[in-house]
Amino acid sequence: MFATRFAPSPTGYLHRGHAYSALTAFEAARAAGGRFVLRIEDIDATRCRPEFEAAIHEDLAWLGLDWETPVRRQSEHTDDYLAALARLEADGLLYRCFRTRREMAEAMASAPHGPMEVFRGGPLAPDEEARRLAAGEAFAWRLSLDAASRRLGGFAGLDFLDEGEGRVAAQPELGGDVVLARKDVGVAYHLAVTVDDALQGITHVIRGRDLFEATHVQRLLQALLGLPTPAYRHHPLLVGPDGRRFAKRDKAETLRSLREQGMTAADLRKELGFG
């Protein structure tokens, strides 16, 4: 059965861009007679707030959406992600990286005229790693592209279906050796969503174009963990009058604010093309 999802993080209130993405997925599921799943991606306890999670439910209900229950909250399923992480570690696909957030920020600042080169590394010498662990230094688990390539015999046969572009050759090297877990935020986005999509039977991932490149990494994780690959549909991003996409960090006007100003759900749906 066709199944798709809307998976917001409760780090702020929803805005028009979220509404557009949620409605796009919801209407696709309804047209296919399939499932619409709401998932709360709250693994980052340093930024997620209960009031934002409650507002997500309120805003989506106001828009006229309904979804399966119970709603999966990532913070309640850490064991699923740690099991996947342990499997990757046992297969020799991970290594400990001791670079601090400050060091990574400084590396980004050192490339002011263009994108920073993606990180590629490898495990430290055993004695050096043991010394750092004994000293209590924090580390992140990174996925080794070199080890993954050896495991799969290269990435040449790795692809996915994007309904807007057809078959796309996966290029996991675009993300480098991505971080899959860190002490302060637990497991990372790529691992959690890959595991969740498989466990929830998601057949179609419908999300914004800004997440297109994330698909390359997630496709690699699916191959390494033996998980199914859904079809993908990356819709255009909704932009405001200034041409900039709506974003929490830019304090985009929230759905709560629109509601308080007297806008109805029908008005917003019509504005977004779902009238």
C-alpha atoms as a PDB file:
ATOM      1  CA  MET A   1       0.000   0.000   0.000  1.00  0.00           C
ATOM      2  CA  PHE A   2       1.126   3.526  -0.804  1.00  0.00           C
ATOM      3  CA  ALA A   3       2.460   5.133   2.368  1.00  0.00           C
ATOM      4  CA  THR A   4       4.065   8.501   2.877  1.00  0.00           C
ATOM      5  CA  ARG A   5       4.885  10.711   5.819  1.00  0.00           C
ATOM      6  CA  PHE A   6       5.341  14.212   7.166  1.00  0.00           C
ATOM      7  CA  ALA A   7       8.171  14.276   9.680  1.00  0.00           C
ATOM      8  CA  PRO A   8       8.757  17.649  11.341  1.00  0.00           C
ATOM      9  CA  SER A   9      11.176  18.397  14.163  1.00  0.00           C
ATOM     10  CA  PRO A  10       9.610  20.224  17.126  1.00  0.00           C
ATOM     11  CA  THR A  11      12.225  22.976  17.215  1.00  0.00           C
ATOM     12  CA  GLY A  12       9.835  25.815  16.392  1.00  0.00           C
ATOM     13  CA  TYR A  13       6.343  26.563  15.141  1.00  0.00           C
ATOM     14  CA  LEU A  14       5.217  25.456  11.682  1.00  0.00           C
ATOM     15  CA  HIS A  15       5.054  27.979   8.833  1.00  0.00           C
ATOM     16  CA  ARG A  16       3.692  28.076   5.284  1.00  0.00           C
ATOM     17  CA  GLY A  17       6.531  25.942   3.963  1.00  0.00           C
ATOM     18  CA  HIS A  18       5.674  23.181   6.407  1.00  0.00           C
ATOM     19  CA  ALA A  19       1.999  23.454   5.518  1.00  0.00           C
ATOM     20  CA  TYR A  20       2.811  23.097   1.821  1.00  0.00           C
ATOM     21  CA  SER A  21       4.954  20.005   2.421  1.00  0.00           C
ATOM     22  CA  ALA A  22       2.409  18.377   4.748  1.00  0.00           C
ATOM     23  CA  LEU A  23      -0.470  19.024   2.341  1.00  0.00           C
ATOM     24  CA  THR A  24       1.543  17.727  -0.611  1.00  0.00           C
ATOM     25  CA  ALA A  25       2.161  14.416   1.187  1.00  0.00           C
ATOM     26  CA  PHE A  26      -1.356  14.182   2.607  1.00  0.00           C
ATOM     27  CA  GLU A  27      -3.076  14.787  -0.731  1.00  0.00           C
ATOM     28  CA  ALA A  28      -0.781  12.268  -2.449  1.00  0.00           C
ATOM     29  CA  ALA A  29      -1.728   9.621   0.107  1.00  0.00           C
ATOM     30  CA  ARG A  30      -5.412  10.425  -0.220  1.00  0.00           C
ATOM     31  CA  ALA A  31      -5.299  10.293  -4.021  1.00  0.00           C
ATOM     32  CA  ALA A  32      -3.617   6.878  -3.857  1.00  0.00           C
ATOM     33  CA  GLY A  33      -5.958   5.548  -1.193  1.00  0.00           C
ATOM     34  CA  GLY A  34      -2.899   5.022   0.973  1.00  0.00           C
ATOM     35  CA  ARG A  35      -1.468   5.821   4.381  1.00  0.00           C
ATOM     36  CA  PHE A  36      -0.416   9.220   5.710  1.00  0.00           C
ATOM     37  CA  VAL A  37       1.983   9.029   8.647  1.00  0.00           C
ATOM     38  CA  LEU A  38       2.967  11.786  11.030  1.00  0.00           C
ATOM     39  CA  ARG A  39       6.365  11.267  12.650  1.00  0.00           C
ATOM     40  CA  ILE A  40       7.928  13.539  15.252  1.00  0.00           C
ATOM     41  CA  GLU A  41      11.690  13.753  14.730  1.00  0.00           C
ATOM     42  CA  ASP A  42      12.720  14.792  18.232  1.00  0.00           C
ATOM     43  CA  ILE A  43      16.035  13.032  18.723  1.00  0.00           C
ATOM     44  CA  ASP A  44      17.861  16.338  19.348  1.00  0.00           C
ATOM     45  CA  ALA A  45      16.875  16.932  22.965  1.00  0.00           C
ATOM     46  CA  THR A  46      18.939  20.132  23.040  1.00  0.00           C
ATOM     47  CA  ARG A  47      16.555  21.906  20.619  1.00  0.00           C
ATOM     48  CA  CYS A  48      13.182  20.120  20.701  1.00  0.00           C
ATOM     49  CA  ARG A  49      10.414  21.445  22.959  1.00  0.00           C
ATOM     50  CA  PRO A  50       7.081  19.895  24.075  1.00  0.00           C
ATOM     51  CA  GLU A  51       5.175  23.078  23.256  1.00  0.00           C
ATOM     52  CA  PHE A  52       6.349  22.931  19.647  1.00  0.00           C
ATOM     53  CA  GLU A  53       5.316  19.294  19.377  1.00  0.00           C
ATOM     54  CA  ALA A  54       1.840  20.087  20.718  1.00  0.00           C
ATOM     55  CA  ALA A  55       1.585  22.956  18.227  1.00  0.00           C
ATOM     56  CA  ILE A  56       2.420  20.613  15.322  1.00  0.00           C
ATOM     57  CA  HIS A  57      -0.629  18.493  16.119  1.00  0.00           C
ATOM     58  CA  GLU A  58      -2.792  21.597  16.546  1.00  0.00           C
ATOM     59  CA  ASP A  59      -1.651  23.205  13.291  1.00  0.00           C
ATOM     60  CA  LEU A  60      -2.049  20.061  11.185  1.00  0.00           C
ATOM     61  CA  ALA A  61      -5.507  19.392  12.589  1.00  0.00           C
ATOM     62  CA  TRP A  62      -6.442  23.011  11.796  1.00  0.00           C
ATOM     63  CA  LEU A  63      -5.332  22.402   8.199  1.00  0.00           C
ATOM     64  CA  GLY A  64      -7.764  19.485   8.023  1.00  0.00           C
ATOM     65  CA  LEU A  65      -5.215  16.669   8.077  1.00  0.00           C
ATOM     66  CA  ASP A  66      -5.597  13.379   9.898  1.00  0.00           C
ATOM     67  CA  TRP A  67      -3.018  10.668  10.409  1.00  0.00           C
ATOM     68  CA  GLU A  68      -2.332   7.250  11.838  1.00  0.00           C
ATOM     69  CA  THR A  69      -1.994   6.794  15.561  1.00  0.00           C
ATOM     70  CA  PRO A  70      -0.027   6.285  17.659  1.00  0.00           C
ATOM     71  CA  VAL A  71       2.416   8.835  16.309  1.00  0.00           C
ATOM     72  CA  ARG A  72       6.024   7.652  16.277  1.00  0.00           C
ATOM     73  CA  ARG A  73       8.274   9.900  18.339  1.00  0.00           C
ATOM     74  CA  GLN A  74      11.930   9.233  17.633  1.00  0.00           C
ATOM     75  CA  SER A  75      12.951   9.921  21.234  1.00  0.00           C
ATOM     76  CA  GLU A  76      10.963   6.840  22.273  1.00  0.00           C
ATOM     77  CA  HIS A  77      12.725   4.482  19.867  1.00  0.00           C
ATOM     78  CA  THR A  78      16.407   5.026  20.539  1.00  0.00           C
ATOM     79  CA  ASP A  79      16.993   1.274  20.789  1.00  0.00           C
ATOM     80  CA  ASP A  80      16.022   0.832  17.114  1.00  0.00           C
ATOM     81  CA  TYR A  81      18.657   3.325  16.012  1.00  0.00           C
ATOM     82  CA  LEU A  82      21.343   2.020  18.350  1.00  0.00           C
ATOM     83  CA  ALA A  83      20.755  -1.495  17.020  1.00  0.00           C
ATOM     84  CA  ALA A  84      21.363  -0.248  13.472  1.00  0.00           C
ATOM     85  CA  LEU A  85      24.441   1.658  14.643  1.00  0.00           C
ATOM     86  CA  ALA A  86      25.774  -1.453  16.381  1.00  0.00           C
ATOM     87  CA  ARG A  87      25.295  -3.467  13.221  1.00  0.00           C
ATOM     88  CA  LEU A  88      27.272  -0.955  11.174  1.00  0.00           C
ATOM     89  CA  GLU A  89      30.012  -0.913  13.799  1.00  0.00           C
ATOM     90  CA  ALA A  90      30.181  -4.711  13.881  1.00  0.00           C
ATOM     91  CA  ASP A  91      30.540  -4.720  10.102  1.00  0.00           C
ATOM     92  CA  GLY A  92      33.551  -2.395  10.364  1.00  0.00           C
ATOM     93  CA  LEU A  93      31.793   0.505   8.645  1.00  0.00           C
ATOM     94  CA  LEU A  94      32.199   3.130  11.373  1.00  0.00           C
ATOM     95  CA  TYR A  95      35.081   4.892  13.042  1.00  0.00           C
ATOM     96  CA  ARG A  96      35.439   7.270  15.975  1.00  0.00           C
ATOM     97  CA  CYS A  97      36.107  10.891  15.065  1.00  0.00           C
ATOM     98  CA  PHE A  98      37.403  13.146  17.833  1.00  0.00           C
ATOM     99  CA  ARG A  99      37.049  16.453  15.995  1.00  0.00           C
ATOM    100  CA  THR A 100      35.223  18.920  18.229  1.00  0.00           C
ATOM    101  CA  ARG A 101      32.351  21.130  17.105  1.00  0.00           C
ATOM    102  CA  ARG A 102      34.732  24.093  17.386  1.00  0.00           C
ATOM    103  CA  GLU A 103      37.244  22.432  15.090  1.00  0.00           C
ATOM    104  CA  MET A 104      34.520  21.695  12.543  1.00  0.00           C
ATOM    105  CA  ALA A 105      33.260  25.279  12.741  1.00  0.00           C
ATOM    106  CA  GLU A 106      36.792  26.572  12.201  1.00  0.00           C
ATOM    107  CA  ALA A 107      37.171  24.285   9.175  1.00  0.00           C
ATOM    108  CA  MET A 108      33.979  25.721   7.709  1.00  0.00           C
ATOM    109  CA  ALA A 109      35.181  29.283   8.365  1.00  0.00           C
ATOM    110  CA  SER A 110      38.428  28.543   6.547  1.00  0.00           C
ATOM    111  CA  ALA A 111      36.532  28.148   3.272  1.00  0.00           C
ATOM    112  CA  PRO A 112      34.726  31.524   2.980  1.00  0.00           C
ATOM    113  CA  HIS A 113      34.717  31.618  -0.820  1.00  0.00           C
ATOM    114  CA  GLY A 114      33.036  28.304  -1.475  1.00  0.00           C
ATOM    115  CA  PRO A 115      31.654  25.145   0.078  1.00  0.00           C
ATOM    116  CA  MET A 116      33.868  23.314   2.521  1.00  0.00           C
ATOM    117  CA  GLU A 117      35.347  20.109   1.187  1.00  0.00           C
ATOM    118  CA  VAL A 118      33.460  17.136   2.571  1.00  0.00           C
ATOM    119  CA  PHE A 119      35.194  15.329   5.388  1.00  0.00           C
ATOM    120  CA  ARG A 120      36.959  12.044   4.657  1.00  0.00           C
ATOM    121  CA  GLY A 121      38.995  10.412   7.362  1.00  0.00           C
ATOM    122  CA  GLY A 122      39.561   7.130   9.123  1.00  0.00           C
ATOM    123  CA  PRO A 123      40.222   5.599  12.515  1.00  0.00           C
ATOM    124  CA  LEU A 124      43.110   6.752  14.625  1.00  0.00           C
ATOM    125  CA  ALA A 125      45.987   4.443  15.436  1.00  0.00           C
ATOM    126  CA  PRO A 126      44.827   2.017  18.156  1.00  0.00           C
ATOM    127  CA  ASP A 127      47.119   3.422  20.861  1.00  0.00           C
ATOM    128  CA  GLU A 128      46.107   7.033  20.112  1.00  0.00           C
ATOM    129  CA  GLU A 129      42.412   6.138  20.123  1.00  0.00           C
ATOM    130  CA  ALA A 130      42.811   4.262  23.411  1.00  0.00           C
ATOM    131  CA  ARG A 131      44.585   7.272  24.953  1.00  0.00           C
ATOM    132  CA  ARG A 132      41.791   9.644  23.926  1.00  0.00           C
ATOM    133  CA  LEU A 133      39.077   7.311  25.150  1.00  0.00           C
ATOM    134  CA  ALA A 134      40.857   6.896  28.485  1.00  0.00           C
ATOM    135  CA  ALA A 135      41.039  10.678  28.757  1.00  0.00           C
ATOM    136  CA  GLY A 136      37.268  10.866  28.330  1.00  0.00           C
ATOM    137  CA  GLU A 137      37.375  12.813  25.068  1.00  0.00           C
ATOM    138  CA  ALA A 138      34.057  13.024  23.239  1.00  0.00           C
ATOM    139  CA  PHE A 139      33.769  11.499  19.798  1.00  0.00           C
ATOM    140  CA  ALA A 140      31.287  11.032  16.983  1.00  0.00           C
ATOM    141  CA  TRP A 141      30.693   7.857  15.009  1.00  0.00           C
ATOM    142  CA  ARG A 142      31.312   8.489  11.301  1.00  0.00           C
ATOM    143  CA  LEU A 143      30.373   6.242   8.413  1.00  0.00           C
ATOM    144  CA  SER A 144      33.480   5.333   6.437  1.00  0.00           C
ATOM    145  CA  LEU A 145      32.852   5.707   2.716  1.00  0.00           C
ATOM    146  CA  ASP A 146      35.977   3.712   1.997  1.00  0.00           C
ATOM    147  CA  ALA A 147      34.753   0.784   4.092  1.00  0.00           C
ATOM    148  CA  ALA A 148      31.235   1.086   2.637  1.00  0.00           C
ATOM    149  CA  SER A 149      32.593   1.026  -0.889  1.00  0.00           C
ATOM    150  CA  ARG A 150      34.618  -2.108  -0.147  1.00  0.00           C
ATOM    151  CA  ARG A 151      31.581  -3.758   1.409  1.00  0.00           C
ATOM    152  CA  LEU A 152      29.362  -3.062  -1.614  1.00  0.00           C
ATOM    153  CA  GLY A 153      31.990  -3.458  -4.309  1.00  0.00           C
ATOM    154  CA  GLY A 154      31.704   0.232  -5.166  1.00  0.00           C
ATOM    155  CA  PHE A 155      28.718   2.523  -5.569  1.00  0.00           C
ATOM    156  CA  ALA A 156      28.157   2.044  -9.307  1.00  0.00           C
ATOM    157  CA  GLY A 157      25.004  -0.045  -8.876  1.00  0.00           C
ATOM    158  CA  LEU A 158      23.463   2.168  -6.210  1.00  0.00           C
ATOM    159  CA  ASP A 159      20.493   4.235  -7.388  1.00  0.00           C
ATOM    160  CA  PHE A 160      17.007   5.395  -6.422  1.00  0.00           C
ATOM    161  CA  LEU A 161      13.824   6.495  -8.141  1.00  0.00           C
ATOM    162  CA  ASP A 162      13.040  10.195  -7.989  1.00  0.00           C
ATOM    163  CA  GLU A 163       9.627  10.725  -9.538  1.00  0.00           C
ATOM    164  CA  GLY A 164      10.721  14.069 -10.960  1.00  0.00           C
ATOM    165  CA  GLU A 165      14.034  12.915 -12.425  1.00  0.00           C
ATOM    166  CA  GLY A 166      13.707   9.166 -12.995  1.00  0.00           C
ATOM    167  CA  ARG A 167      16.440   6.779 -11.893  1.00  0.00           C
ATOM    168  CA  VAL A 168      19.215   8.677 -10.141  1.00  0.00           C
ATOM    169  CA  ALA A 169      22.692   7.259  -9.539  1.00  0.00           C
ATOM    170  CA  ALA A 170      23.434   7.603  -5.843  1.00  0.00           C
ATOM    171  CA  GLN A 171      26.558   9.595  -5.027  1.00  0.00           C
ATOM    172  CA  PRO A 172      27.133   9.111  -1.290  1.00  0.00           C
ATOM    173  CA  GLU A 173      30.545  10.712  -1.674  1.00  0.00           C
ATOM    174  CA  LEU A 174      28.747  14.073  -1.860  1.00  0.00           C
ATOM    175  CA  GLY A 175      28.240  13.892   1.904  1.00  0.00           C
ATOM    176  CA  GLY A 176      31.648  12.524   2.821  1.00  0.00           C
ATOM    177  CA  ASP A 177      32.029  10.465   5.977  1.00  0.00           C
ATOM    178  CA  VAL A 178      28.799  11.611   7.602  1.00  0.00           C
ATOM    179  CA  VAL A 179      28.294  11.642  11.363  1.00  0.00           C
ATOM    180  CA  LEU A 180      25.778   8.975  12.414  1.00  0.00           C
ATOM    181  CA  ALA A 181      25.886   9.468  16.171  1.00  0.00           C
ATOM    182  CA  ARG A 182      27.162  11.988  18.678  1.00  0.00           C
ATOM    183  CA  LYS A 183      26.999  12.024  22.455  1.00  0.00           C
ATOM    184  CA  ASP A 184      25.150  15.342  22.815  1.00  0.00           C
ATOM    185  CA  VAL A 185      22.350  14.632  20.308  1.00  0.00           C
ATOM    186  CA  GLY A 186      22.406  10.836  20.116  1.00  0.00           C
ATOM    187  CA  VAL A 187      21.975   9.295  16.693  1.00  0.00           C
ATOM    188  CA  ALA A 188      21.940  11.602  13.698  1.00  0.00           C
ATOM    189  CA  TYR A 189      19.171  12.441  11.240  1.00  0.00           C
ATOM    190  CA  HIS A 190      20.326  10.217   8.365  1.00  0.00           C
ATOM    191  CA  LEU A 191      20.359   7.031  10.413  1.00  0.00           C
ATOM    192  CA  ALA A 192      17.119   7.676  12.296  1.00  0.00           C
ATOM    193  CA  VAL A 193      15.011   8.526   9.247  1.00  0.00           C
ATOM    194  CA  THR A 194      16.376   5.596   7.250  1.00  0.00           C
ATOM    195  CA  VAL A 195      15.456   3.165  10.015  1.00  0.00           C
ATOM    196  CA  ASP A 196      12.071   4.812  10.598  1.00  0.00           C
ATOM    197  CA  ASP A 197      11.039   4.779   6.945  1.00  0.00           C
ATOM    198  CA  ALA A 198      11.722   1.047   6.792  1.00  0.00           C
ATOM    199  CA  LEU A 199       9.988   0.218  10.081  1.00  0.00           C
ATOM    200  CA  GLN A 200       6.917   2.280   9.163  1.00  0.00           C
ATOM    201  CA  GLY A 201       6.587   0.805   5.683  1.00  0.00           C
ATOM    202  CA  ILE A 202       7.045   4.118   3.880  1.00  0.00           C
ATOM    203  CA  THR A 203       6.841   3.512   0.128  1.00  0.00           C
ATOM    204  CA  HIS A 204       7.089   7.158  -0.996  1.00  0.00           C
ATOM    205  CA  VAL A 205       9.189   9.839   0.666  1.00  0.00           C
ATOM    206  CA  ILE A 206       7.640  13.181  -0.263  1.00  0.00           C
ATOM    207  CA  ARG A 207       9.655  16.155   0.961  1.00  0.00           C
ATOM    208  CA  GLY A 208      11.276  19.432  -0.074  1.00  0.00           C
ATOM    209  CA  ARG A 209      13.932  19.819  -2.730  1.00  0.00           C
ATOM    210  CA  ASP A 210      16.390  20.945  -0.044  1.00  0.00           C
ATOM    211  CA  LEU A 211      16.629  17.329   1.116  1.00  0.00           C
ATOM    212  CA  PHE A 212      17.442  15.855  -2.290  1.00  0.00           C
ATOM    213  CA  GLU A 213      21.147  15.401  -1.516  1.00  0.00           C
ATOM    214  CA  ALA A 214      20.300  13.650   1.758  1.00  0.00           C
ATOM    215  CA  THR A 215      18.805  10.865  -0.347  1.00  0.00           C
ATOM    216  CA  HIS A 216      22.266   9.835  -1.561  1.00  0.00           C
ATOM    217  CA  VAL A 217      23.462   9.112   1.989  1.00  0.00           C
ATOM    218  CA  GLN A 218      20.202   7.444   2.987  1.00  0.00           C
ATOM    219  CA  ARG A 219      20.315   5.198  -0.074  1.00  0.00           C
ATOM    220  CA  LEU A 220      23.771   4.031   1.014  1.00  0.00           C
ATOM    221  CA  LEU A 221      22.518   3.268   4.516  1.00  0.00           C
ATOM    222  CA  GLN A 222      19.608   1.278   3.078  1.00  0.00           C
ATOM    223  CA  ALA A 223      22.065  -0.847   1.123  1.00  0.00           C
ATOM    224  CA  LEU A 224      24.364  -1.405   4.101  1.00  0.00           C
ATOM    225  CA  LEU A 225      21.504  -2.307   6.455  1.00  0.00           C
ATOM    226  CA  GLY A 226      19.534  -4.380   3.954  1.00  0.00           C
ATOM    227  CA  LEU A 227      16.511  -2.063   4.085  1.00  0.00           C
ATOM    228  CA  PRO A 228      13.996  -1.366   1.296  1.00  0.00           C
ATOM    229  CA  THR A 229      14.327   1.761  -0.815  1.00  0.00           C
ATOM    230  CA  PRO A 230      11.193   3.889  -1.194  1.00  0.00           C
ATOM    231  CA  ALA A 231      10.433   6.079  -4.180  1.00  0.00           C
ATOM    232  CA  TYR A 232      11.215   9.771  -3.701  1.00  0.00           C
ATOM    233  CA  ARG A 233       9.390  12.924  -4.678  1.00  0.00           C
ATOM    234  CA  HIS A 234      11.168  16.198  -3.921  1.00  0.00           C
ATOM    235  CA  HIS A 235       8.752  19.069  -4.338  1.00  0.00           C
ATOM    236  CA  PRO A 236       9.797  22.693  -5.014  1.00  0.00           C
ATOM    237  CA  LEU A 237      10.367  24.864  -1.966  1.00  0.00           C
ATOM    238  CA  LEU A 238       7.791  27.467  -1.105  1.00  0.00           C
ATOM    239  CA  VAL A 239       9.235  30.979  -1.178  1.00  0.00           C
ATOM    240  CA  GLY A 240       8.006  34.329   0.075  1.00  0.00           C
ATOM    241  CA  PRO A 241       7.618  37.641  -1.793  1.00  0.00           C
ATOM    242  CA  ASP A 242      11.352  38.270  -1.356  1.00  0.00           C
ATOM    243  CA  GLY A 243      12.191  35.020  -3.151  1.00  0.00           C
ATOM    244  CA  ARG A 244      13.621  33.389  -0.044  1.00  0.00           C
ATOM    245  CA  ARG A 245      12.288  30.063   1.137  1.00  0.00           C
ATOM    246  CA  PHE A 246      10.330  29.994   4.352  1.00  0.00           C
ATOM    247  CA  ALA A 247      12.518  28.846   7.230  1.00  0.00           C
ATOM    248  CA  LYS A 248      12.366  28.750  11.022  1.00  0.00           C
ATOM    249  CA  ARG A 249      15.752  30.401  11.332  1.00  0.00           C
ATOM    250  CA  ASP A 250      14.477  33.400   9.356  1.00  0.00           C
ATOM    251  CA  LYS A 251      11.480  33.694  11.691  1.00  0.00           C
ATOM    252  CA  ALA A 252       8.996  32.933   8.928  1.00  0.00           C
ATOM    253  CA  GLU A 253       5.404  33.835   9.779  1.00  0.00           C
ATOM    254  CA  THR A 254       3.930  30.890  11.663  1.00  0.00           C
ATOM    255  CA  LEU A 255       0.632  29.126  11.117  1.00  0.00           C
ATOM    256  CA  ARG A 256      -0.341  30.128  14.642  1.00  0.00           C
ATOM    257  CA  SER A 257       0.220  33.759  13.742  1.00  0.00           C
ATOM    258  CA  LEU A 258      -1.827  33.441  10.546  1.00  0.00           C
ATOM    259  CA  ARG A 259      -4.651  31.857  12.511  1.00  0.00           C
ATOM    260  CA  GLU A 260      -4.568  34.642  15.104  1.00  0.00           C
ATOM    261  CA  GLN A 261      -4.781  37.191  12.293  1.00  0.00           C
ATOM    262  CA  GLY A 262      -8.021  35.609  11.144  1.00  0.00           C
ATOM    263  CA  MET A 263      -6.840  33.478   8.230  1.00  0.00           C
ATOM    264  CA  THR A 264      -8.888  30.313   7.827  1.00  0.00           C
ATOM    265  CA  ALA A 265      -7.500  26.921   6.893  1.00  0.00           C
ATOM    266  CA  ALA A 266      -9.489  27.105   3.652  1.00  0.00           C
ATOM    267  CA  ASP A 267      -7.836  30.445   2.817  1.00  0.00           C
ATOM    268  CA  LEU A 268      -4.367  29.035   3.401  1.00  0.00           C
ATOM    269  CA  ARG A 269      -5.042  25.852   1.456  1.00  0.00           C
ATOM    270  CA  LYS A 270      -6.235  27.954  -1.472  1.00  0.00           C
ATOM    271  CA  GLU A 271      -3.191  30.207  -1.235  1.00  0.00           C
ATOM    272  CA  LEU A 272      -0.933  27.147  -1.340  1.00  0.00           C
ATOM    273  CA  GLY A 273      -2.741  25.607  -4.311  1.00  0.00           C
ATOM    274  CA  PHE A 274      -4.857  23.063  -2.463  1.00  0.00           C
ATOM    275  CA  GLY A 275      -8.205  24.882  -2.662  1.00  0.00           C
END
